[in-house]
Amino acid sequence: MNGLISSPVPAPDPAGAQVVADDWFPPVKLDDVRDRLRLGEGVVTNARLIEAMEGGMVHAFRELADWRTARVLAGATGLEQVTGQTLNGRNYAVLLWERIVRYFAGADLAADYRDVTATDQGLDRSAEKDLTSDELRRRALAAVADLRSIAAEKPVERNRVELI
């Protein structure tokens, strides 16, 4: 057979590997992100996943800066203190934080893993990945709105943007 290309499979994530945000937002485990998203069909290296998660956290910090400041001024010393509400036995705010980071990271990775072939089929797959990236980003922003709604005077509306 001709034309077969083998891609090396990346090493598994070290046990318990995580990206640490800061002292206020909790760390997010690599395997939690990898297990919940289809990431390049097994070709996303640990370094690429970590970089995408760091980028997701940077984006999340920017989106949540004012909200976080208000929670800190109200006395919360960590994200888990902004609500006692739980979902499936887990703190609701922490669950949303992990979702935000996961979907922003997934959006970055989906945008990076384009087919590089020049065929029409390759171009079609590239367009599909753009939609996937946009969908993941939309989900991340929806989770941002859900987190901002915690302890807010009125619920933050989803699918609304602020114009610069």
Protein backbone atom coordinates (compact mmCIF):
# COMPACT_ATOMS: atom_id res chain seq x y z
CA MET A 1 0.00 0.00 0.00
CA ASN A 2 1.17 3.48 -0.78
CA GLY A 3 0.24 6.77 0.86
CA LEU A 4 -0.14 5.56 4.43
CA ILE A 5 1.04 8.04 7.00
CA SER A 6 1.53 7.12 10.62
CA SER A 7 1.20 9.73 13.33
CA PRO A 8 2.85 9.09 16.67
CA VAL A 9 0.48 8.86 19.59
CA PRO A 10 1.36 11.38 22.33
CA ALA A 11 2.39 10.11 25.72
CA PRO A 12 -0.45 9.92 28.24
CA ASP A 13 -0.94 12.79 30.64
CA PRO A 14 1.05 12.35 33.85
CA ALA A 15 -1.24 11.15 36.64
CA GLY A 16 -3.08 14.10 38.18
CA ALA A 17 -1.58 16.63 35.73
CA GLN A 18 -3.36 19.97 35.90
CA VAL A 19 -3.10 23.58 34.87
CA VAL A 20 -3.06 25.80 37.93
CA ALA A 21 -4.95 29.07 37.49
CA ASP A 22 -4.18 31.13 40.59
CA ASP A 23 -5.10 31.12 44.25
CA TRP A 24 -8.70 32.16 43.58
CA PHE A 25 -9.74 30.01 40.61
CA PRO A 26 -9.06 26.27 41.04
CA PRO A 27 -6.77 24.20 38.81
CA VAL A 28 -8.22 22.20 35.92
CA LYS A 29 -7.07 18.63 35.25
CA LEU A 30 -5.75 17.72 31.82
CA ASP A 31 -7.51 14.37 31.77
CA ASP A 32 -10.87 16.04 32.57
CA VAL A 33 -10.50 18.23 29.47
CA ARG A 34 -9.20 15.40 27.31
CA ASP A 35 -11.94 12.98 28.45
CA ARG A 36 -14.80 15.40 27.75
CA LEU A 37 -13.73 16.73 24.35
CA ARG A 38 -12.69 14.98 21.18
CA LEU A 39 -9.25 16.47 20.84
CA GLY A 40 -7.62 15.74 17.49
CA GLU A 41 -8.39 12.04 17.69
CA GLY A 42 -5.48 11.31 20.00
CA VAL A 43 -2.88 13.56 18.39
CA VAL A 44 -3.02 16.51 20.79
CA THR A 45 0.18 16.51 22.79
CA ASN A 46 0.32 17.39 26.47
CA ALA A 47 2.18 20.60 25.64
CA ARG A 48 -0.49 21.70 23.13
CA LEU A 49 -3.29 20.86 25.54
CA ILE A 50 -1.61 22.78 28.36
CA GLU A 51 -1.05 25.78 26.09
CA ALA A 52 -4.71 25.73 24.99
CA MET A 53 -5.89 25.46 28.59
CA GLU A 54 -3.66 28.37 29.61
CA GLY A 55 -5.12 30.39 26.74
CA GLY A 56 -8.60 29.41 27.89
CA MET A 57 -7.82 30.62 31.39
CA VAL A 58 -6.43 33.92 30.09
CA HIS A 59 -9.64 34.47 28.11
CA ALA A 60 -11.74 33.49 31.12
CA PHE A 61 -9.84 35.87 33.43
CA ARG A 62 -10.62 38.74 31.06
CA GLU A 63 -14.30 37.78 30.75
CA LEU A 64 -14.70 37.39 34.52
CA ALA A 65 -12.51 40.23 35.84
CA ASP A 66 -15.30 42.55 37.02
CA TRP A 67 -17.41 39.67 38.34
CA ARG A 68 -14.46 38.27 40.28
CA THR A 69 -13.61 41.68 41.75
CA ALA A 70 -17.18 42.04 43.02
CA ARG A 71 -17.06 38.56 44.61
CA VAL A 72 -13.69 39.28 46.26
CA LEU A 73 -15.01 42.60 47.63
CA ALA A 74 -17.97 40.65 49.00
CA GLY A 75 -15.52 38.46 50.94
CA ALA A 76 -15.02 35.36 48.77
CA THR A 77 -11.44 34.12 49.03
CA GLY A 78 -11.96 31.45 46.38
CA LEU A 79 -14.38 30.53 43.61
CA GLU A 80 -15.98 27.75 45.61
CA GLN A 81 -17.14 30.32 48.17
CA VAL A 82 -19.37 32.30 45.79
CA THR A 83 -22.16 29.72 46.03
CA GLY A 84 -23.17 26.77 48.12
CA GLN A 85 -25.18 25.43 45.21
CA THR A 86 -24.10 22.03 43.94
CA LEU A 87 -24.75 19.99 40.84
CA ASN A 88 -24.09 16.26 40.91
CA GLY A 89 -22.33 16.73 44.24
CA ARG A 90 -19.92 19.35 42.91
CA ASN A 91 -19.73 23.08 43.57
CA TYR A 92 -21.70 24.79 40.81
CA ALA A 93 -19.26 27.69 40.32
CA VAL A 94 -16.27 25.35 40.08
CA LEU A 95 -18.13 23.16 37.60
CA LEU A 96 -18.82 26.21 35.41
CA TRP A 97 -15.18 27.38 35.67
CA GLU A 98 -13.97 24.00 34.41
CA ARG A 99 -16.52 24.13 31.59
CA ILE A 100 -15.33 27.61 30.56
CA VAL A 101 -11.68 26.56 30.45
CA ARG A 102 -12.49 23.28 28.66
CA TYR A 103 -14.54 24.91 25.91
CA PHE A 104 -12.16 27.83 25.31
CA ALA A 105 -9.27 25.35 25.12
CA GLY A 106 -11.27 23.11 22.79
CA ALA A 107 -12.07 26.07 20.53
CA ASP A 108 -8.38 26.93 20.23
CA LEU A 109 -7.43 23.34 19.47
CA ALA A 110 -10.23 22.89 16.93
CA ALA A 111 -9.07 26.02 15.13
CA ASP A 112 -5.44 24.79 15.15
CA TYR A 113 -6.10 21.29 13.86
CA ARG A 114 -7.11 22.02 10.28
CA ASP A 115 -6.59 19.65 7.41
CA VAL A 116 -3.73 20.90 5.31
CA THR A 117 -4.68 19.06 2.14
CA ALA A 118 -5.66 21.12 -0.86
CA THR A 119 -8.51 18.86 -1.93
CA ASP A 120 -12.13 19.89 -1.84
CA GLN A 121 -12.72 17.25 0.82
CA GLY A 122 -9.94 18.74 2.96
CA LEU A 123 -11.39 22.22 2.55
CA ASP A 124 -14.84 20.95 3.55
CA ARG A 125 -13.40 19.38 6.72
CA SER A 126 -11.63 22.66 7.50
CA ALA A 127 -14.94 24.55 7.25
CA GLU A 128 -16.56 21.98 9.55
CA LYS A 129 -13.81 22.53 12.11
CA ASP A 130 -14.44 26.28 11.97
CA LEU A 131 -18.03 25.57 12.95
CA THR A 132 -16.83 23.30 15.73
CA SER A 133 -14.46 25.98 17.00
CA ASP A 134 -17.22 28.58 16.92
CA GLU A 135 -19.62 26.22 18.70
CA LEU A 136 -17.10 25.47 21.44
CA ARG A 137 -16.42 29.19 21.90
CA ARG A 138 -20.18 29.83 22.10
CA ARG A 139 -20.50 27.17 24.80
CA ALA A 140 -17.63 28.72 26.76
CA LEU A 141 -19.27 32.15 26.61
CA ALA A 142 -22.60 30.65 27.71
CA ALA A 143 -20.83 29.16 30.74
CA VAL A 144 -19.27 32.59 31.42
CA ALA A 145 -22.78 34.09 31.45
CA ASP A 146 -23.98 31.34 33.79
CA LEU A 147 -21.08 31.98 36.18
CA ARG A 148 -21.60 35.74 36.08
CA SER A 149 -25.23 35.12 37.07
CA ILE A 150 -24.16 33.66 40.41
CA ALA A 151 -24.65 36.30 43.10
CA ALA A 152 -25.67 38.87 40.46
CA GLU A 153 -28.56 41.24 41.08
CA LYS A 154 -30.22 40.02 37.90
CA PRO A 155 -29.41 37.05 35.66
CA VAL A 156 -26.86 37.67 32.95
CA GLU A 157 -28.41 37.06 29.57
CA ARG A 158 -26.85 34.52 27.27
CA ASN A 159 -26.07 35.22 23.64
CA ARG A 160 -25.62 38.93 24.25
CA VAL A 161 -22.43 40.72 23.43
CA GLU A 162 -21.02 44.08 24.39
CA LEU A 163 -19.83 46.20 21.53
CA ILE A 164 -16.51 47.89 21.96
